[in-house]
């Protein structure tokens, strides 16, 4: 058996905030989505013609017509949609650390960083609009290059 992450889904009352976070900040793009009986977005990493590239599924809540979502996925109290519950975080491999740090700063998004030397990763943790922790794993060499450039300027 082989196993790889297909996608993860977020149920939200604010589709627009999720789209800004995942598309505007992380660079995913909105693509095709089946005609489910509730609002939502499928966000792609790569070619939007390939369903398997839909890495994040955003499930919208239609307060005026919640029955389609209830019938398809079940009912959940809106107050339960904050944080990640039993899921601690979702992680992506990434490149382009300097540009990401600039975008985070420009958008006023708090981040947490650490480097895992054994794995050669520099981790950046941010919270999405629903309080779900998103981990971005960059090559540690990108962080080392940033630190070296900062040291020569100082």
Protein backbone atom coordinates (compact mmCIF):
# COMPACT_ATOMS: atom_id res chain seq x y z
CA UNK A 1 0.00 0.00 0.00
CA UNK A 2 1.20 3.51 -0.73
CA UNK A 3 -0.21 6.54 0.99
CA UNK A 4 0.07 10.27 0.33
CA UNK A 5 -1.94 13.25 1.47
CA UNK A 6 -4.82 13.92 -0.93
CA UNK A 7 -6.36 16.99 0.69
CA UNK A 8 -7.68 18.38 3.91
CA UNK A 9 -11.01 20.10 4.42
CA UNK A 10 -11.97 23.08 6.51
CA UNK A 11 -15.54 23.93 7.38
CA UNK A 12 -15.90 27.69 7.70
CA UNK A 13 -18.38 30.52 8.01
CA UNK A 14 -15.96 32.84 6.14
CA UNK A 15 -15.05 31.58 2.65
CA UNK A 16 -13.53 34.92 1.65
CA UNK A 17 -11.07 34.97 4.57
CA UNK A 18 -9.98 31.42 3.77
CA UNK A 19 -9.48 32.28 0.11
CA UNK A 20 -7.37 35.32 1.04
CA UNK A 21 -5.22 33.22 3.38
CA UNK A 22 -4.69 30.13 1.24
CA UNK A 23 -4.54 31.86 -2.16
CA UNK A 24 -3.20 35.31 -1.31
CA UNK A 25 -0.64 34.15 1.23
CA UNK A 26 0.22 30.55 0.37
CA UNK A 27 -0.22 30.83 -3.40
CA UNK A 28 -2.86 28.15 -3.92
CA UNK A 29 -5.43 28.85 -6.62
CA UNK A 30 -9.16 28.35 -6.84
CA UNK A 31 -10.10 25.66 -9.33
CA UNK A 32 -12.94 23.37 -10.35
CA UNK A 33 -15.17 21.86 -7.69
CA UNK A 34 -17.99 19.34 -8.04
CA UNK A 35 -21.52 20.77 -7.71
CA UNK A 36 -22.03 19.93 -4.05
CA UNK A 37 -25.25 21.09 -2.35
CA UNK A 38 -23.35 23.66 -0.27
CA UNK A 39 -20.91 26.51 -1.01
CA UNK A 40 -17.17 25.98 -1.03
CA UNK A 41 -13.84 26.24 -2.77
CA UNK A 42 -11.28 23.73 -3.95
CA UNK A 43 -7.80 25.22 -3.75
CA UNK A 44 -5.14 23.77 -6.01
CA UNK A 45 -1.40 23.43 -5.86
CA UNK A 46 -0.46 23.04 -9.51
CA UNK A 47 -2.56 22.33 -12.59
CA UNK A 48 -6.25 22.96 -11.82
CA UNK A 49 -7.24 20.44 -14.51
CA UNK A 50 -5.96 17.65 -12.25
CA UNK A 51 -8.40 16.91 -9.41
CA UNK A 52 -5.63 15.38 -7.31
CA UNK A 53 -3.96 18.80 -7.09
CA UNK A 54 -6.84 20.16 -4.98
CA UNK A 55 -4.87 20.22 -1.72
CA UNK A 56 -7.35 22.18 0.41
CA UNK A 57 -11.14 21.91 0.29
CA UNK A 58 -12.99 24.79 1.92
CA UNK A 59 -16.52 23.88 2.99
CA UNK A 60 -18.78 26.90 3.30
CA UNK A 61 -21.75 27.27 5.59
CA UNK A 62 -24.87 28.73 4.03
CA UNK A 63 -26.81 30.02 7.04
CA UNK A 64 -29.87 30.62 4.84
CA UNK A 65 -29.89 27.07 3.51
CA UNK A 66 -27.84 24.71 5.70
CA UNK A 67 -29.70 21.54 4.70
CA UNK A 68 -27.46 20.59 1.76
CA UNK A 69 -24.37 20.57 3.96
CA UNK A 70 -26.15 18.79 6.81
CA UNK A 71 -27.38 16.06 4.49
CA UNK A 72 -24.02 15.60 2.77
CA UNK A 73 -21.48 15.88 5.61
CA UNK A 74 -23.56 16.06 8.77
CA UNK A 75 -24.35 18.88 11.12
CA UNK A 76 -21.74 20.64 13.25
CA UNK A 77 -22.22 23.54 15.59
CA UNK A 78 -20.56 26.66 14.21
CA UNK A 79 -18.88 27.30 17.58
CA UNK A 80 -16.98 24.01 17.15
CA UNK A 81 -15.25 25.27 13.99
CA UNK A 82 -12.43 27.15 15.74
CA UNK A 83 -8.99 25.62 16.07
CA UNK A 84 -8.00 22.26 14.84
CA UNK A 85 -9.62 20.02 17.43
CA UNK A 86 -7.78 16.72 17.50
CA UNK A 87 -5.73 17.71 14.44
CA UNK A 88 -2.65 19.59 15.62
CA UNK A 89 -1.52 21.10 12.31
CA UNK A 90 -1.27 20.66 8.55
CA UNK A 91 2.16 20.90 6.87
CA UNK A 92 3.38 21.76 3.40
CA UNK A 93 6.84 21.65 1.87
CA UNK A 94 7.64 25.11 0.49
CA UNK A 95 10.34 27.23 -1.10
CA UNK A 96 10.76 31.00 -1.23
CA UNK A 97 11.25 31.80 2.46
CA UNK A 98 12.25 35.48 1.99
CA UNK A 99 9.14 36.27 -0.06
CA UNK A 100 6.89 34.41 2.39
CA UNK A 101 8.31 36.28 5.37
CA UNK A 102 7.73 39.57 3.54
CA UNK A 103 4.10 38.62 2.76
CA UNK A 104 3.45 37.60 6.35
CA UNK A 105 4.89 40.88 7.64
CA UNK A 106 2.98 42.97 5.07
CA UNK A 107 -0.29 41.29 6.04
CA UNK A 108 0.40 41.55 9.77
CA UNK A 109 0.22 37.78 10.29
CA UNK A 110 1.99 36.47 13.37
CA UNK A 111 4.35 33.58 12.82
CA UNK A 112 6.41 31.16 14.81
CA UNK A 113 9.72 29.84 13.45
CA UNK A 114 12.23 27.14 14.25
CA UNK A 115 14.89 25.19 12.41
CA UNK A 116 15.17 21.42 12.59
CA UNK A 117 18.86 20.81 11.84
CA UNK A 118 18.65 17.03 11.61
CA UNK A 119 16.03 17.29 8.86
CA UNK A 120 17.42 20.40 7.13
CA UNK A 121 14.09 22.21 7.52
CA UNK A 122 13.20 25.71 8.62
CA UNK A 123 9.63 25.72 9.86
CA UNK A 124 7.22 28.65 9.79
CA UNK A 125 3.94 28.21 11.67
CA UNK A 126 0.92 30.45 11.04
CA UNK A 127 -2.76 30.23 11.98
CA UNK A 128 -5.38 30.26 9.25
CA UNK A 129 -8.59 32.32 9.69
CA UNK A 130 -10.23 29.39 11.51
CA UNK A 131 -7.39 28.93 13.99
CA UNK A 132 -5.93 25.89 12.23
CA UNK A 133 -2.14 25.78 12.45
CA UNK A 134 -0.42 25.62 9.07
CA UNK A 135 3.25 24.58 9.02
CA UNK A 136 5.42 25.61 6.08
CA UNK A 137 8.65 23.61 5.76
CA UNK A 138 11.39 25.46 3.88
CA UNK A 139 14.93 24.22 3.15
CA UNK A 140 17.11 25.26 6.10
CA UNK A 141 19.60 26.62 3.58
CA UNK A 142 17.12 29.41 2.74
CA UNK A 143 17.10 30.52 6.38
CA UNK A 144 20.89 30.29 6.59
CA UNK A 145 21.21 32.51 3.49
CA UNK A 146 18.84 35.08 5.04
CA UNK A 147 20.82 35.08 8.28
CA UNK A 148 24.12 35.46 6.40
CA UNK A 149 22.75 38.38 4.38
CA UNK A 150 21.48 40.07 7.55
CA UNK A 151 24.87 39.60 9.23
CA UNK A 152 26.70 41.32 6.36
CA UNK A 153 24.27 44.28 6.46
CA UNK A 154 24.63 44.70 10.22
